Amino acid sequence: MPAQPPIPAGSGAAGQKPSPVKKPAAAAPVYPKPDWPVDNQPTAAAVTWDSHGLFINASNSSLDQILREVSLETGIKVEGMGADERIFGAYGPGPANEVLGELLDGSAYDVLMIGDQGEGTPRRIVLTARTPAGAQPASRNSPVASASNEEESEPEPLQAEPPPLEPPPPQPSQSGPVPGVPVRTPQQIMEQMQQRQQEIQQQRQENQQNPQN
């Protein structure tokens, strides 16, 4: 059997280089979700109203729940409550207006306390959402405001028409005196017109006194 020629190095299957092995990509680390108190269920606050005044003890409690409890205990009417907030801390005991003022200080609401039931207990609390910083109030010159002001304004009284002006006396011609016609001054012309009017008025009176049959 004839001998086979030797296989050159680097040729054929024996000469192929192994392909590099790809490493799997590292998985992104998974971090636990932060435990925010607002994501948890609110805890009911303890609201006490007795001879010592108003006392509120809250721990991740709902502001809406606290104000409803205060309204039931004290008879204060709360208006304007919108977005809820979480409250932490102890407030009081003391007069209701002071305790509620401390409770709502730093909240997202402007507070207006109206009336007095006695011993510092208001009758009503009106909450108004605070305007964000940098926001501008509506201009008074807006179309809606202008239309409202025009509707509420009273109409101006009509002014009386001025009396008609008397016709000026005839002026002499500026082209110069006409030959054979005496030149009269404006005063002479006015006197002649007045005299003519008197004659006409006198003639009318005579006709009225002596009517024709």
N, C-alpha and C. Protein backbone atom coordinates (compact mmCIF):
# COMPACT_ATOMS: atom_id res chain seq x y z
N MET A 1 0.87 -1.18 0.00
CA MET A 1 0.00 0.00 0.00
C MET A 1 0.90 1.22 0.00
N PRO A 2 0.67 2.12 -0.96
CA PRO A 2 1.58 3.28 -1.03
C PRO A 2 1.38 4.18 0.17
N ALA A 3 2.45 4.77 0.59
CA ALA A 3 2.40 5.67 1.76
C ALA A 3 1.73 6.98 1.38
N GLN A 4 0.83 7.53 2.27
CA GLN A 4 0.13 8.80 2.01
C GLN A 4 1.06 9.95 2.31
N PRO A 5 0.94 11.01 1.49
CA PRO A 5 1.81 12.20 1.75
C PRO A 5 1.41 12.84 3.07
N PRO A 6 2.35 13.40 3.73
CA PRO A 6 2.05 14.05 5.03
C PRO A 6 1.15 15.27 4.84
N ILE A 7 0.24 15.50 5.81
CA ILE A 7 -0.70 16.64 5.77
C ILE A 7 0.02 17.87 6.27
N PRO A 8 0.03 18.93 5.46
CA PRO A 8 0.74 20.15 5.91
C PRO A 8 0.13 20.69 7.20
N ALA A 9 0.97 21.27 8.00
CA ALA A 9 0.51 21.85 9.28
C ALA A 9 -0.38 23.05 9.02
N GLY A 10 -1.42 23.17 9.75
CA GLY A 10 -2.33 24.33 9.63
C GLY A 10 -3.38 24.15 8.59
N SER A 11 -3.46 23.00 7.91
CA SER A 11 -4.49 22.77 6.90
C SER A 11 -5.38 21.65 7.37
N GLY A 12 -6.65 21.72 6.97
CA GLY A 12 -7.59 20.67 7.32
C GLY A 12 -8.13 20.88 8.72
N ALA A 13 -8.87 19.88 9.20
CA ALA A 13 -9.52 19.97 10.51
C ALA A 13 -8.51 20.05 11.62
N ALA A 14 -7.41 19.37 11.40
CA ALA A 14 -6.42 19.37 12.47
C ALA A 14 -5.76 20.72 12.62
N GLY A 15 -5.77 21.53 11.54
CA GLY A 15 -5.07 22.81 11.58
C GLY A 15 -5.95 23.99 11.97
N GLN A 16 -7.32 23.85 12.18
CA GLN A 16 -8.20 24.97 12.52
C GLN A 16 -8.00 25.38 13.97
N LYS A 17 -8.10 26.78 14.22
CA LYS A 17 -7.98 27.31 15.57
C LYS A 17 -9.35 27.29 16.26
N PRO A 18 -9.41 26.96 17.50
CA PRO A 18 -10.71 26.94 18.20
C PRO A 18 -11.28 28.35 18.32
N SER A 19 -12.62 28.49 18.09
CA SER A 19 -13.28 29.80 18.19
C SER A 19 -13.37 30.22 19.65
N PRO A 20 -13.22 31.52 19.91
CA PRO A 20 -13.28 31.97 21.31
C PRO A 20 -14.67 31.79 21.89
N VAL A 21 -14.75 31.44 23.15
CA VAL A 21 -16.02 31.21 23.84
C VAL A 21 -16.52 32.53 24.40
N LYS A 22 -17.77 32.93 24.05
CA LYS A 22 -18.34 34.20 24.55
C LYS A 22 -18.86 33.99 25.96
N LYS A 23 -18.50 34.93 26.83
CA LYS A 23 -18.97 34.88 28.20
C LYS A 23 -20.36 35.51 28.29
N PRO A 24 -21.26 34.97 29.06
CA PRO A 24 -22.59 35.57 29.20
C PRO A 24 -22.50 36.94 29.86
N ALA A 25 -23.40 37.89 29.40
CA ALA A 25 -23.40 39.24 29.95
C ALA A 25 -23.84 39.20 31.41
N ALA A 26 -23.21 40.05 32.19
CA ALA A 26 -23.53 40.10 33.62
C ALA A 26 -24.92 40.69 33.82
N ALA A 27 -25.72 40.08 34.63
CA ALA A 27 -27.07 40.56 34.88
C ALA A 27 -27.03 41.84 35.70
N ALA A 28 -27.98 42.78 35.37
CA ALA A 28 -28.04 44.05 36.10
C ALA A 28 -28.45 43.78 37.54
N PRO A 29 -27.82 44.48 38.46
CA PRO A 29 -28.17 44.23 39.87
C PRO A 29 -29.60 44.68 40.16
N VAL A 30 -30.29 43.95 40.98
CA VAL A 30 -31.67 44.26 41.35
C VAL A 30 -31.66 44.82 42.77
N TYR A 31 -32.13 46.08 42.88
CA TYR A 31 -32.16 46.73 44.18
C TYR A 31 -33.56 46.64 44.76
N PRO A 32 -33.68 46.51 46.03
CA PRO A 32 -35.02 46.45 46.63
C PRO A 32 -35.73 47.80 46.53
N LYS A 33 -37.04 47.77 46.40
CA LYS A 33 -37.83 48.99 46.31
C LYS A 33 -37.79 49.74 47.63
N PRO A 34 -37.56 51.07 47.59
CA PRO A 34 -37.50 51.80 48.86
C PRO A 34 -38.83 51.73 49.59
N ASP A 35 -38.74 51.67 50.87
CA ASP A 35 -39.93 51.58 51.72
C ASP A 35 -40.34 52.99 52.13
N TRP A 36 -41.14 53.65 51.26
CA TRP A 36 -41.61 54.99 51.55
C TRP A 36 -42.86 54.90 52.42
N PRO A 37 -42.95 55.75 53.44
CA PRO A 37 -44.16 55.70 54.29
C PRO A 37 -45.44 56.00 53.52
N VAL A 38 -45.34 56.84 52.49
CA VAL A 38 -46.55 57.18 51.75
C VAL A 38 -47.11 55.99 50.98
N ASP A 39 -46.24 54.97 50.71
CA ASP A 39 -46.70 53.78 50.00
C ASP A 39 -47.41 52.80 50.93
N ASN A 40 -47.25 52.99 52.22
CA ASN A 40 -47.89 52.10 53.19
C ASN A 40 -49.27 52.61 53.55
N GLN A 41 -50.06 51.75 54.13
CA GLN A 41 -51.38 52.15 54.58
C GLN A 41 -51.25 53.14 55.75
N PRO A 42 -52.05 54.23 55.73
CA PRO A 42 -51.94 55.20 56.82
C PRO A 42 -52.42 54.60 58.14
N THR A 43 -51.82 55.08 59.21
CA THR A 43 -52.19 54.67 60.56
C THR A 43 -53.12 55.71 61.15
N ALA A 44 -54.24 55.28 61.70
CA ALA A 44 -55.21 56.22 62.25
C ALA A 44 -54.59 56.99 63.42
N ALA A 45 -54.76 58.32 63.37
CA ALA A 45 -54.23 59.16 64.43
C ALA A 45 -55.19 59.18 65.61
N ALA A 46 -54.64 59.42 66.80
CA ALA A 46 -55.46 59.54 68.02
C ALA A 46 -55.78 61.02 68.23
N VAL A 47 -57.07 61.35 68.23
CA VAL A 47 -57.53 62.72 68.43
C VAL A 47 -58.30 62.76 69.75
N THR A 48 -57.84 63.60 70.68
CA THR A 48 -58.46 63.71 72.00
C THR A 48 -58.91 65.15 72.22
N TRP A 49 -60.15 65.29 72.68
CA TRP A 49 -60.72 66.62 72.96
C TRP A 49 -61.35 66.57 74.35
N ASP A 50 -60.67 67.21 75.33
CA ASP A 50 -61.16 67.17 76.69
C ASP A 50 -60.88 68.51 77.37
N SER A 51 -60.90 68.50 78.68
CA SER A 51 -60.71 69.75 79.43
C SER A 51 -59.32 70.34 79.24
N HIS A 52 -58.36 69.53 78.85
CA HIS A 52 -57.00 70.02 78.60
C HIS A 52 -56.87 70.66 77.22
N GLY A 53 -57.87 70.51 76.38
CA GLY A 53 -57.82 71.06 75.03
C GLY A 53 -57.76 69.96 73.99
N LEU A 54 -57.18 70.29 72.85
CA LEU A 54 -57.08 69.35 71.72
C LEU A 54 -55.70 68.71 71.71
N PHE A 55 -55.67 67.39 71.52
CA PHE A 55 -54.41 66.66 71.44
C PHE A 55 -54.48 65.70 70.26
N ILE A 56 -53.43 65.72 69.41
CA ILE A 56 -53.36 64.87 68.23
C ILE A 56 -52.04 64.12 68.26
N ASN A 57 -52.09 62.80 68.13
CA ASN A 57 -50.90 61.97 68.08
C ASN A 57 -50.95 61.17 66.77
N ALA A 58 -50.03 61.49 65.86
CA ALA A 58 -50.06 60.91 64.51
C ALA A 58 -48.74 60.24 64.20
N SER A 59 -48.81 59.10 63.50
CA SER A 59 -47.63 58.39 63.02
C SER A 59 -47.95 57.82 61.64
N ASN A 60 -47.49 58.53 60.61
CA ASN A 60 -47.85 58.19 59.23
C ASN A 60 -49.38 58.15 59.08
N SER A 61 -50.01 59.22 59.55
CA SER A 61 -51.48 59.29 59.55
C SER A 61 -51.96 60.22 58.45
N SER A 62 -53.22 60.04 58.07
CA SER A 62 -53.83 60.83 57.00
C SER A 62 -54.31 62.16 57.56
N LEU A 63 -53.94 63.27 56.88
CA LEU A 63 -54.41 64.59 57.30
C LEU A 63 -55.93 64.68 57.15
N ASP A 64 -56.47 64.09 56.11
CA ASP A 64 -57.92 64.11 55.93
C ASP A 64 -58.62 63.40 57.09
N GLN A 65 -58.07 62.27 57.52
CA GLN A 65 -58.69 61.54 58.65
C GLN A 65 -58.59 62.35 59.94
N ILE A 66 -57.46 63.03 60.15
CA ILE A 66 -57.29 63.83 61.36
C ILE A 66 -58.31 64.96 61.39
N LEU A 67 -58.47 65.68 60.27
CA LEU A 67 -59.39 66.82 60.26
C LEU A 67 -60.83 66.36 60.40
N ARG A 68 -61.17 65.18 59.85
CA ARG A 68 -62.54 64.67 60.04
C ARG A 68 -62.79 64.33 61.50
N GLU A 69 -61.79 63.75 62.16
CA GLU A 69 -61.93 63.44 63.58
C GLU A 69 -62.04 64.72 64.41
N VAL A 70 -61.24 65.72 64.07
CA VAL A 70 -61.30 66.99 64.79
C VAL A 70 -62.67 67.63 64.60
N SER A 71 -63.22 67.54 63.39
CA SER A 71 -64.54 68.12 63.14
C SER A 71 -65.61 67.43 63.97
N LEU A 72 -65.53 66.10 64.09
CA LEU A 72 -66.52 65.37 64.87
C LEU A 72 -66.39 65.67 66.37
N GLU A 73 -65.15 65.83 66.85
CA GLU A 73 -64.94 66.04 68.28
C GLU A 73 -65.25 67.48 68.70
N THR A 74 -64.89 68.45 67.89
CA THR A 74 -64.98 69.86 68.30
C THR A 74 -66.13 70.60 67.66
N GLY A 75 -66.71 70.07 66.58
CA GLY A 75 -67.77 70.79 65.87
C GLY A 75 -67.25 71.81 64.88
N ILE A 76 -65.94 71.84 64.65
CA ILE A 76 -65.37 72.77 63.68
C ILE A 76 -65.67 72.27 62.26
N LYS A 77 -66.16 73.16 61.41
CA LYS A 77 -66.45 72.80 60.02
C LYS A 77 -65.21 73.06 59.18
N VAL A 78 -64.72 72.02 58.50
CA VAL A 78 -63.51 72.11 57.67
C VAL A 78 -63.93 72.16 56.21
N GLU A 79 -63.42 73.15 55.47
CA GLU A 79 -63.75 73.31 54.05
C GLU A 79 -62.47 73.41 53.23
N GLY A 80 -62.53 72.92 51.98
CA GLY A 80 -61.43 73.09 51.04
C GLY A 80 -60.39 72.00 51.04
N MET A 81 -60.64 70.88 51.74
CA MET A 81 -59.64 69.81 51.78
C MET A 81 -59.54 69.17 50.41
N GLY A 82 -58.30 69.07 49.89
CA GLY A 82 -58.07 68.47 48.57
C GLY A 82 -57.14 67.28 48.68
N ALA A 83 -55.91 67.44 48.18
CA ALA A 83 -54.94 66.34 48.21
C ALA A 83 -54.57 66.00 49.65
N ASP A 84 -54.52 64.70 49.93
CA ASP A 84 -54.21 64.25 51.28
C ASP A 84 -52.71 64.32 51.53
N GLU A 85 -52.33 64.35 52.80
CA GLU A 85 -50.93 64.35 53.22
C GLU A 85 -50.76 63.40 54.39
N ARG A 86 -49.49 63.01 54.64
CA ARG A 86 -49.18 62.16 55.78
C ARG A 86 -48.60 63.03 56.90
N ILE A 87 -49.04 62.73 58.13
CA ILE A 87 -48.67 63.53 59.28
C ILE A 87 -47.94 62.66 60.29
N PHE A 88 -46.86 63.22 60.86
CA PHE A 88 -46.10 62.56 61.93
C PHE A 88 -45.96 63.53 63.09
N GLY A 89 -46.09 63.04 64.31
CA GLY A 89 -45.81 63.86 65.48
C GLY A 89 -46.98 64.01 66.41
N ALA A 90 -46.70 64.62 67.57
CA ALA A 90 -47.71 64.88 68.59
C ALA A 90 -47.94 66.39 68.67
N TYR A 91 -49.19 66.78 68.70
CA TYR A 91 -49.58 68.19 68.71
C TYR A 91 -50.54 68.42 69.87
N GLY A 92 -50.20 69.36 70.76
CA GLY A 92 -51.03 69.66 71.89
C GLY A 92 -50.53 68.95 73.15
N PRO A 93 -51.38 68.91 74.18
CA PRO A 93 -52.72 69.49 74.23
C PRO A 93 -52.69 71.01 74.39
N GLY A 94 -53.78 71.66 73.94
CA GLY A 94 -53.88 73.10 74.02
C GLY A 94 -55.11 73.59 73.30
N PRO A 95 -55.27 74.92 73.20
CA PRO A 95 -56.42 75.47 72.46
C PRO A 95 -56.44 74.96 71.03
N ALA A 96 -57.64 74.74 70.51
CA ALA A 96 -57.77 74.12 69.19
C ALA A 96 -57.11 74.95 68.11
N ASN A 97 -57.24 76.29 68.17
CA ASN A 97 -56.67 77.11 67.11
C ASN A 97 -55.15 77.01 67.09
N GLU A 98 -54.51 76.91 68.28
CA GLU A 98 -53.06 76.79 68.32
C GLU A 98 -52.60 75.41 67.85
N VAL A 99 -53.29 74.37 68.28
CA VAL A 99 -52.90 73.01 67.89
C VAL A 99 -53.09 72.80 66.39
N LEU A 100 -54.22 73.26 65.84
CA LEU A 100 -54.45 73.11 64.41
C LEU A 100 -53.50 73.97 63.59
N GLY A 101 -53.17 75.15 64.10
CA GLY A 101 -52.19 75.98 63.40
C GLY A 101 -50.84 75.30 63.33
N GLU A 102 -50.43 74.64 64.43
CA GLU A 102 -49.16 73.90 64.42
C GLU A 102 -49.24 72.69 63.52
N LEU A 103 -50.40 72.02 63.50
CA LEU A 103 -50.57 70.84 62.65
C LEU A 103 -50.46 71.20 61.17
N LEU A 104 -51.08 72.29 60.77
CA LEU A 104 -51.15 72.66 59.35
C LEU A 104 -49.98 73.52 58.91
N ASP A 105 -49.12 73.91 59.83
CA ASP A 105 -47.95 74.70 59.46
C ASP A 105 -47.00 73.86 58.62
N GLY A 106 -46.63 74.37 57.46
CA GLY A 106 -45.76 73.63 56.55
C GLY A 106 -46.49 72.71 55.61
N SER A 107 -47.81 72.68 55.68
CA SER A 107 -48.57 71.84 54.75
C SER A 107 -48.73 72.55 53.42
N ALA A 108 -49.45 71.94 52.49
CA ALA A 108 -49.65 72.52 51.17
C ALA A 108 -50.86 73.44 51.13
N TYR A 109 -51.33 73.87 52.29
CA TYR A 109 -52.56 74.69 52.35
C TYR A 109 -52.30 75.98 53.11
N ASP A 110 -52.96 77.04 52.64
CA ASP A 110 -53.12 78.25 53.43
C ASP A 110 -54.36 78.07 54.28
N VAL A 111 -54.29 78.52 55.53
CA VAL A 111 -55.33 78.24 56.51
C VAL A 111 -55.99 79.55 56.93
N LEU A 112 -57.33 79.55 56.96
CA LEU A 112 -58.11 80.69 57.44
C LEU A 112 -59.09 80.16 58.48
N MET A 113 -58.97 80.66 59.72
CA MET A 113 -59.86 80.27 60.80
C MET A 113 -60.88 81.37 61.02
N ILE A 114 -62.16 80.99 61.03
CA ILE A 114 -63.26 81.95 61.10
C ILE A 114 -64.09 81.65 62.34
N GLY A 115 -64.48 82.73 63.05
CA GLY A 115 -65.38 82.60 64.19
C GLY A 115 -64.68 82.08 65.43
N ASP A 116 -65.44 82.02 66.52
CA ASP A 116 -64.90 81.56 67.80
C ASP A 116 -66.03 80.93 68.61
N GLN A 117 -65.86 79.65 68.96
CA GLN A 117 -66.83 78.96 69.81
C GLN A 117 -66.52 79.12 71.29
N GLY A 118 -65.44 79.80 71.57
CA GLY A 118 -65.01 79.95 72.95
C GLY A 118 -63.76 79.17 73.23
N GLU A 119 -62.88 79.75 74.06
CA GLU A 119 -61.63 79.10 74.47
C GLU A 119 -60.75 78.75 73.29
N GLY A 120 -60.75 79.62 72.27
CA GLY A 120 -59.84 79.43 71.14
C GLY A 120 -60.27 78.36 70.16
N THR A 121 -61.54 78.03 70.11
CA THR A 121 -62.03 77.01 69.17
C THR A 121 -62.75 77.72 68.03
N PRO A 122 -62.21 77.69 66.81
CA PRO A 122 -62.88 78.38 65.69
C PRO A 122 -64.14 77.62 65.26
N ARG A 123 -65.00 78.35 64.55
CA ARG A 123 -66.21 77.72 64.00
C ARG A 123 -65.94 77.05 62.65
N ARG A 124 -65.09 77.67 61.84
CA ARG A 124 -64.81 77.13 60.50
C ARG A 124 -63.32 77.23 60.23
N ILE A 125 -62.84 76.29 59.43
CA ILE A 125 -61.47 76.32 58.92
C ILE A 125 -61.56 76.19 57.40
N VAL A 126 -61.04 77.17 56.69
CA VAL A 126 -61.06 77.17 55.23
C VAL A 126 -59.64 76.93 54.74
N LEU A 127 -59.46 75.85 53.97
CA LEU A 127 -58.15 75.51 53.41
C LEU A 127 -58.10 75.92 51.95
N THR A 128 -56.99 76.52 51.56
CA THR A 128 -56.77 76.93 50.17
C THR A 128 -55.41 76.43 49.73
N ALA A 129 -55.37 75.73 48.58
CA ALA A 129 -54.09 75.22 48.08
C ALA A 129 -53.15 76.37 47.78
N ARG A 130 -51.93 76.25 48.26
CA ARG A 130 -50.96 77.31 48.05
C ARG A 130 -50.52 77.37 46.59
N THR A 131 -50.25 78.60 46.10
CA THR A 131 -49.77 78.79 44.74
C THR A 131 -48.30 78.41 44.67
N PRO A 132 -47.89 77.59 43.67
CA PRO A 132 -46.47 77.23 43.57
C PRO A 132 -45.61 78.46 43.41
N ALA A 133 -44.37 78.37 43.88
CA ALA A 133 -43.43 79.49 43.78
C ALA A 133 -43.19 79.84 42.32
N GLY A 134 -43.20 81.11 42.00
CA GLY A 134 -42.97 81.59 40.64
C GLY A 134 -44.23 81.73 39.82
N ALA A 135 -45.35 81.19 40.28
CA ALA A 135 -46.59 81.33 39.51
C ALA A 135 -47.13 82.73 39.68
N GLN A 136 -47.64 83.30 38.59
CA GLN A 136 -48.16 84.65 38.59
C GLN A 136 -49.67 84.61 38.67
N PRO A 137 -50.28 85.51 39.49
CA PRO A 137 -51.75 85.56 39.52
C PRO A 137 -52.31 86.05 38.21
N ALA A 138 -53.60 85.76 37.98
CA ALA A 138 -54.25 86.18 36.74
C ALA A 138 -54.28 87.68 36.65
N SER A 139 -53.98 88.19 35.43
CA SER A 139 -53.96 89.62 35.23
C SER A 139 -55.36 90.20 35.25
N ARG A 140 -55.48 91.38 35.83
CA ARG A 140 -56.77 92.03 35.86
C ARG A 140 -57.18 92.52 34.49
N ASN A 141 -56.19 92.62 33.57
CA ASN A 141 -56.50 93.10 32.23
C ASN A 141 -56.84 91.97 31.27
N SER A 142 -57.11 90.77 31.79
CA SER A 142 -57.48 89.66 30.93
C SER A 142 -58.83 89.93 30.30
N PRO A 143 -59.14 89.29 29.14
CA PRO A 143 -60.43 89.54 28.49
C PRO A 143 -61.61 89.25 29.39
N VAL A 144 -61.54 88.18 30.18
CA VAL A 144 -62.68 87.85 31.04
C VAL A 144 -62.88 88.92 32.09
N ALA A 145 -61.76 89.35 32.73
CA ALA A 145 -61.88 90.38 33.77
C ALA A 145 -62.37 91.69 33.18
N SER A 146 -61.88 92.03 32.01
CA SER A 146 -62.31 93.27 31.39
C SER A 146 -63.79 93.24 31.06
N ALA A 147 -64.26 92.10 30.53
CA ALA A 147 -65.68 92.01 30.20
C ALA A 147 -66.54 92.10 31.45
N SER A 148 -66.07 91.48 32.54
CA SER A 148 -66.84 91.54 33.78
C SER A 148 -66.91 92.97 34.30
N ASN A 149 -65.79 93.69 34.22
CA ASN A 149 -65.79 95.06 34.70
C ASN A 149 -66.69 95.94 33.86
N GLU A 150 -66.74 95.69 32.55
CA GLU A 150 -67.60 96.49 31.69
C GLU A 150 -69.05 96.23 31.97
N GLU A 151 -69.40 94.96 32.30
CA GLU A 151 -70.80 94.66 32.58
C GLU A 151 -71.24 95.27 33.90
N GLU A 152 -70.32 95.32 34.89
CA GLU A 152 -70.70 95.83 36.18
C GLU A 152 -70.69 97.35 36.24
N SER A 153 -69.95 98.01 35.34
CA SER A 153 -69.88 99.46 35.38
C SER A 153 -71.19 100.06 34.92
N GLU A 154 -71.58 101.18 35.53
CA GLU A 154 -72.82 101.85 35.18
C GLU A 154 -72.62 102.65 33.90
N PRO A 155 -73.66 102.72 33.06
CA PRO A 155 -73.52 103.50 31.83
C PRO A 155 -73.40 104.98 32.14
N GLU A 156 -72.57 105.66 31.37
CA GLU A 156 -72.39 107.08 31.57
C GLU A 156 -73.62 107.84 31.08
N PRO A 157 -74.03 108.88 31.83
CA PRO A 157 -75.21 109.65 31.40
C PRO A 157 -74.94 110.38 30.11
N LEU A 158 -75.97 110.46 29.27
CA LEU A 158 -75.84 111.15 28.00
C LEU A 158 -75.71 112.65 28.24
N GLN A 159 -74.79 113.25 27.56
CA GLN A 159 -74.60 114.68 27.71
C GLN A 159 -75.61 115.43 26.84
N ALA A 160 -76.13 116.54 27.40
CA ALA A 160 -77.09 117.35 26.64
C ALA A 160 -76.41 118.00 25.45
N GLU A 161 -77.16 118.04 24.34
CA GLU A 161 -76.59 118.65 23.14
C GLU A 161 -76.48 120.15 23.33
N PRO A 162 -75.39 120.75 22.87
CA PRO A 162 -75.24 122.21 23.02
C PRO A 162 -76.28 122.93 22.18
N PRO A 163 -76.73 124.11 22.66
CA PRO A 163 -77.72 124.87 21.88
C PRO A 163 -77.15 125.30 20.55
N PRO A 164 -78.02 125.38 19.53
CA PRO A 164 -77.52 125.79 18.21
C PRO A 164 -76.98 127.21 18.25
N LEU A 165 -75.91 127.38 17.54
CA LEU A 165 -75.28 128.70 17.49
C LEU A 165 -76.08 129.63 16.59
N GLU A 166 -76.18 130.89 17.03
CA GLU A 166 -76.87 131.87 16.21
C GLU A 166 -76.05 132.19 14.97
N PRO A 167 -76.73 132.38 13.85
CA PRO A 167 -75.97 132.70 12.63
C PRO A 167 -75.27 134.04 12.77
N PRO A 168 -74.05 134.10 12.34
CA PRO A 168 -73.32 135.37 12.45
C PRO A 168 -73.95 136.43 11.55
N PRO A 169 -73.83 137.68 11.93
CA PRO A 169 -74.39 138.76 11.08
C PRO A 169 -73.69 138.81 9.73
N PRO A 170 -74.39 139.18 8.72
CA PRO A 170 -73.75 139.26 7.39
C PRO A 170 -72.61 140.24 7.38
N GLN A 171 -71.56 139.81 6.80
CA GLN A 171 -70.36 140.63 6.70
C GLN A 171 -70.35 141.38 5.38
N PRO A 172 -69.85 142.58 5.40
CA PRO A 172 -69.76 143.33 4.12
C PRO A 172 -68.83 142.65 3.14
N SER A 173 -69.11 142.82 1.91
CA SER A 173 -68.30 142.20 0.87
C SER A 173 -66.88 142.70 0.94
N GLN A 174 -65.95 141.76 0.78
CA GLN A 174 -64.53 142.12 0.83
C GLN A 174 -64.00 142.59 -0.52
N SER A 175 -64.90 142.62 -1.50
CA SER A 175 -64.43 143.03 -2.84
C SER A 175 -64.37 144.54 -2.98
N GLY A 176 -64.74 145.26 -1.86
CA GLY A 176 -64.67 146.71 -1.92
C GLY A 176 -66.04 147.34 -2.09
N PRO A 177 -66.19 148.60 -1.79
CA PRO A 177 -67.50 149.26 -1.90
C PRO A 177 -67.97 149.33 -3.35
N VAL A 178 -69.32 149.13 -3.46
CA VAL A 178 -69.93 149.24 -4.78
C VAL A 178 -70.23 150.72 -5.05
N PRO A 179 -69.90 151.20 -6.21
CA PRO A 179 -70.14 152.63 -6.50
C PRO A 179 -71.62 152.95 -6.37
N GLY A 180 -71.94 154.05 -5.70
CA GLY A 180 -73.31 154.51 -5.55
C GLY A 180 -74.04 153.91 -4.37
N VAL A 181 -73.45 152.88 -3.62
CA VAL A 181 -74.07 152.23 -2.47
C VAL A 181 -73.27 152.62 -1.23
N PRO A 182 -73.96 153.21 -0.25
CA PRO A 182 -73.21 153.61 0.95
C PRO A 182 -72.71 152.37 1.71
N VAL A 183 -71.56 152.49 2.26
CA VAL A 183 -70.95 151.41 3.03
C VAL A 183 -71.50 151.45 4.45
N ARG A 184 -72.00 150.25 4.96
CA ARG A 184 -72.54 150.16 6.31
C ARG A 184 -71.63 149.25 7.16
N THR A 185 -71.52 149.66 8.36
CA THR A 185 -70.72 148.86 9.30
C THR A 185 -71.55 147.68 9.81
N PRO A 186 -70.92 146.64 10.38
CA PRO A 186 -71.70 145.50 10.95
C PRO A 186 -72.68 145.95 12.02
N GLN A 187 -72.32 146.96 12.81
CA GLN A 187 -73.23 147.43 13.85
C GLN A 187 -74.49 148.04 13.24
N GLN A 188 -74.31 148.80 12.15
CA GLN A 188 -75.46 149.39 11.48
C GLN A 188 -76.36 148.32 10.89
N ILE A 189 -75.76 147.25 10.37
CA ILE A 189 -76.55 146.16 9.80
C ILE A 189 -77.36 145.47 10.88
N MET A 190 -76.74 145.21 12.06
CA MET A 190 -77.47 144.58 13.15
C MET A 190 -78.61 145.45 13.63
N GLU A 191 -78.38 146.76 13.75
CA GLU A 191 -79.46 147.67 14.18
C GLU A 191 -80.61 147.67 13.17
N GLN A 192 -80.26 147.63 11.91
CA GLN A 192 -81.32 147.62 10.90
C GLN A 192 -82.13 146.33 10.97
N MET A 193 -81.44 145.17 11.20
CA MET A 193 -82.15 143.89 11.31
C MET A 193 -83.07 143.88 12.53
N GLN A 194 -82.57 144.41 13.67
CA GLN A 194 -83.41 144.47 14.86
C GLN A 194 -84.62 145.37 14.64
N GLN A 195 -84.39 146.49 13.97
CA GLN A 195 -85.51 147.40 13.70
C GLN A 195 -86.54 146.74 12.80
N ARG A 196 -86.06 145.95 11.84
CA ARG A 196 -86.97 145.27 10.92
C ARG A 196 -87.79 144.21 11.67
N GLN A 197 -87.14 143.50 12.58
CA GLN A 197 -87.86 142.51 13.36
C GLN A 197 -88.91 143.15 14.26
N GLN A 198 -88.60 144.32 14.82
CA GLN A 198 -89.58 145.02 15.66
C GLN A 198 -90.79 145.47 14.83
N GLU A 199 -90.54 145.92 13.63
CA GLU A 199 -91.64 146.36 12.77
C GLU A 199 -92.55 145.18 12.42
N ILE A 200 -91.92 144.03 12.14
CA ILE A 200 -92.74 142.85 11.79
C ILE A 200 -93.54 142.40 13.00
N GLN A 201 -92.95 142.42 14.18
CA GLN A 201 -93.67 142.01 15.39
C GLN A 201 -94.81 142.98 15.70
N GLN A 202 -94.57 144.26 15.52
CA GLN A 202 -95.63 145.27 15.77
C GLN A 202 -96.77 145.09 14.79
N GLN A 203 -96.45 144.78 13.56
CA GLN A 203 -97.50 144.60 12.55
C GLN A 203 -98.34 143.36 12.88
N ARG A 204 -97.70 142.30 13.41
CA ARG A 204 -98.45 141.10 13.78
C ARG A 204 -99.40 141.40 14.95
N GLN A 205 -98.93 142.19 15.90
CA GLN A 205 -99.79 142.54 17.02
C GLN A 205 -101.00 143.35 16.57
N GLU A 206 -100.81 144.25 15.64
CA GLU A 206 -101.93 145.07 15.13
C GLU A 206 -102.94 144.18 14.39
N ASN A 207 -102.44 143.20 13.65
CA ASN A 207 -103.35 142.32 12.92
C ASN A 207 -104.17 141.46 13.89
N GLN A 208 -103.53 141.08 15.03
CA GLN A 208 -104.26 140.30 16.01
C GLN A 208 -105.33 141.12 16.72
N GLN A 209 -105.01 142.39 16.96
CA GLN A 209 -105.99 143.22 17.64
C GLN A 209 -107.14 143.63 16.73
N ASN A 210 -106.91 143.81 15.43
CA ASN A 210 -107.95 144.22 14.47
C ASN A 210 -108.13 143.09 13.44
N PRO A 211 -108.74 141.98 13.84
CA PRO A 211 -108.92 140.92 12.83
C PRO A 211 -109.90 141.33 11.76
N GLN A 212 -109.70 140.84 10.60
CA GLN A 212 -110.62 141.15 9.48
C GLN A 212 -111.89 140.36 9.63
N ASN A 213 -113.04 141.00 9.29
CA ASN A 213 -114.33 140.32 9.32
C ASN A 213 -114.45 139.38 8.13
